[in-house]
Amino acid sequence: MTEFVLPEKQAVTMSERAQAHFTGIATGKVVKFGVTGGSCAGLKYSWAIHNDREDLYADDEIIEFKNFTFAIDGASLLFIIGCQIDYESDITGSRIEIVNPNAKASCGCGESFSAG
């Protein structure tokens, strides 16, 4: 059996604004990003903040930033590989923006998408 090996390139990129946002809310903690089923478009992004790595799985991808750890859910990786995460703040409010090259369609809320 051939073992599947992920490329060395980071699966998700994060802007400096997004890094500053997560530093502000999760210094010393683990921010976990993934997808879950259900929603108007089929899949929705999931976020969690953990105090440590105890709740992570062996197949989660870990990215160390200066003030926090970012974990990508291993089971979600194929749906979110190549995502760019940014943080926007304007007159309408502030929000995490995700550009997902794997999304075929998305919902108006910007939090859910269809990959197929």
Protein backbone atom coordinates (compact mmCIF):
# COMPACT_ATOMS: atom_id res chain seq x y z
CA MET A 1 0.00 0.00 0.00
CA THR A 2 1.31 3.45 -0.91
CA GLU A 3 1.44 5.97 1.90
CA PHE A 4 -0.19 9.33 1.15
CA VAL A 5 2.19 12.22 1.84
CA LEU A 6 1.07 15.83 1.94
CA PRO A 7 3.25 18.41 0.25
CA GLU A 8 5.54 20.48 2.46
CA LYS A 9 3.70 23.69 1.57
CA GLN A 10 1.50 25.16 4.29
CA ALA A 11 -2.13 24.10 3.67
CA VAL A 12 -3.69 27.45 4.64
CA THR A 13 -2.22 30.95 4.55
CA MET A 14 -3.12 33.71 6.98
CA SER A 15 -2.71 37.46 6.57
CA GLU A 16 -0.98 39.60 9.16
CA ARG A 17 -4.36 41.16 10.06
CA ALA A 18 -5.80 37.71 10.77
CA GLN A 19 -2.73 36.78 12.82
CA ALA A 20 -3.17 39.98 14.87
CA HIS A 21 -6.85 39.17 15.42
CA PHE A 22 -6.12 35.65 16.67
CA THR A 23 -3.28 36.96 18.83
CA GLY A 24 -5.82 39.28 20.45
CA ILE A 25 -8.32 36.53 21.24
CA ALA A 26 -6.18 33.40 21.60
CA THR A 27 -2.67 34.23 22.86
CA GLY A 28 -1.10 31.04 24.20
CA LYS A 29 -3.99 28.93 22.90
CA VAL A 30 -4.84 26.75 19.90
CA VAL A 31 -7.20 28.02 17.19
CA LYS A 32 -8.70 25.08 15.26
CA PHE A 33 -10.18 25.54 11.78
CA GLY A 34 -12.18 23.00 9.78
CA VAL A 35 -15.52 22.30 8.14
CA THR A 36 -18.67 20.54 9.24
CA GLY A 37 -21.62 19.23 7.28
CA GLY A 38 -24.96 20.96 7.03
CA SER A 39 -25.93 24.55 6.25
CA CYS A 40 -27.62 26.13 3.29
CA ALA A 41 -24.67 25.47 0.95
CA GLY A 42 -23.68 22.00 2.23
CA LEU A 43 -20.57 22.67 4.33
CA LYS A 44 -19.76 25.37 6.83
CA TYR A 45 -16.54 26.53 8.37
CA SER A 46 -15.94 25.58 11.99
CA TRP A 47 -13.78 27.40 14.52
CA ALA A 48 -12.76 26.46 18.04
CA ILE A 49 -10.30 27.82 20.58
CA HIS A 50 -8.63 25.26 22.83
CA ASN A 51 -6.46 25.91 25.86
CA ASP A 52 -3.92 23.30 24.75
CA ARG A 53 -3.34 20.51 22.24
CA GLU A 54 -5.16 17.78 24.18
CA ASP A 55 -8.28 18.03 21.99
CA LEU A 56 -6.37 17.80 18.71
CA TYR A 57 -6.06 14.68 16.55
CA ALA A 58 -2.94 13.07 15.14
CA ASP A 59 -3.91 14.02 11.56
CA ASP A 60 -4.50 17.73 12.35
CA GLU A 61 -2.02 20.03 10.64
CA ILE A 62 -0.28 22.33 13.11
CA ILE A 63 1.09 25.77 12.24
CA GLU A 64 2.97 27.66 14.93
CA PHE A 65 2.59 31.42 14.96
CA LYS A 66 4.42 33.73 17.36
CA ASN A 67 1.59 34.04 19.92
CA PHE A 68 -0.79 31.17 19.15
CA THR A 69 -1.01 27.77 17.49
CA PHE A 70 -3.22 27.23 14.46
CA ALA A 71 -4.58 23.73 13.84
CA ILE A 72 -6.33 22.58 10.69
CA ASP A 73 -8.73 19.68 11.14
CA GLY A 74 -7.19 16.73 9.31
CA ALA A 75 -10.58 15.40 8.18
CA SER A 76 -11.38 18.81 6.63
CA LEU A 77 -8.07 19.31 4.88
CA LEU A 78 -9.19 18.35 1.37
CA PHE A 79 -12.01 20.92 1.54
CA ILE A 80 -9.88 23.82 2.77
CA ILE A 81 -6.40 23.25 1.36
CA GLY A 82 -5.24 26.44 -0.32
CA CYS A 83 -7.54 28.74 1.70
CA GLN A 84 -6.44 32.26 2.43
CA ILE A 85 -7.63 33.64 5.77
CA ASP A 86 -7.89 37.38 6.31
CA TYR A 87 -9.52 39.67 8.86
CA GLU A 88 -11.53 42.64 7.64
CA SER A 89 -12.90 45.58 9.59
CA ASP A 90 -15.01 48.31 8.02
CA ILE A 91 -18.15 50.35 8.59
CA THR A 92 -20.31 47.21 8.53
CA GLY A 93 -18.28 45.46 11.23
CA SER A 94 -15.38 43.07 11.52
CA ARG A 95 -15.16 39.51 10.28
CA ILE A 96 -12.87 36.69 9.26
CA GLU A 97 -12.73 36.44 5.46
CA ILE A 98 -11.92 33.10 3.81
CA VAL A 99 -11.01 32.74 0.16
CA ASN A 100 -11.41 29.06 -0.66
CA PRO A 101 -10.27 27.86 -4.10
CA ASN A 102 -12.17 24.59 -3.54
CA ALA A 103 -15.58 26.23 -3.08
CA LYS A 104 -17.90 25.75 -6.07
CA ALA A 105 -20.68 27.86 -4.58
CA SER A 106 -21.24 29.78 -1.37
CA CYS A 107 -24.08 31.16 0.66
CA GLY A 108 -24.75 34.83 1.26
CA CYS A 109 -23.54 34.66 4.85
CA GLY A 110 -20.01 33.81 3.70
CA GLU A 111 -19.74 31.07 6.31
CA SER A 112 -20.85 28.12 4.22
CA PHE A 113 -19.95 26.68 0.84
CA SER A 114 -20.36 23.79 -1.54
CA ALA A 115 -17.32 21.83 -2.64
CA GLY A 116 -19.01 19.68 -5.21
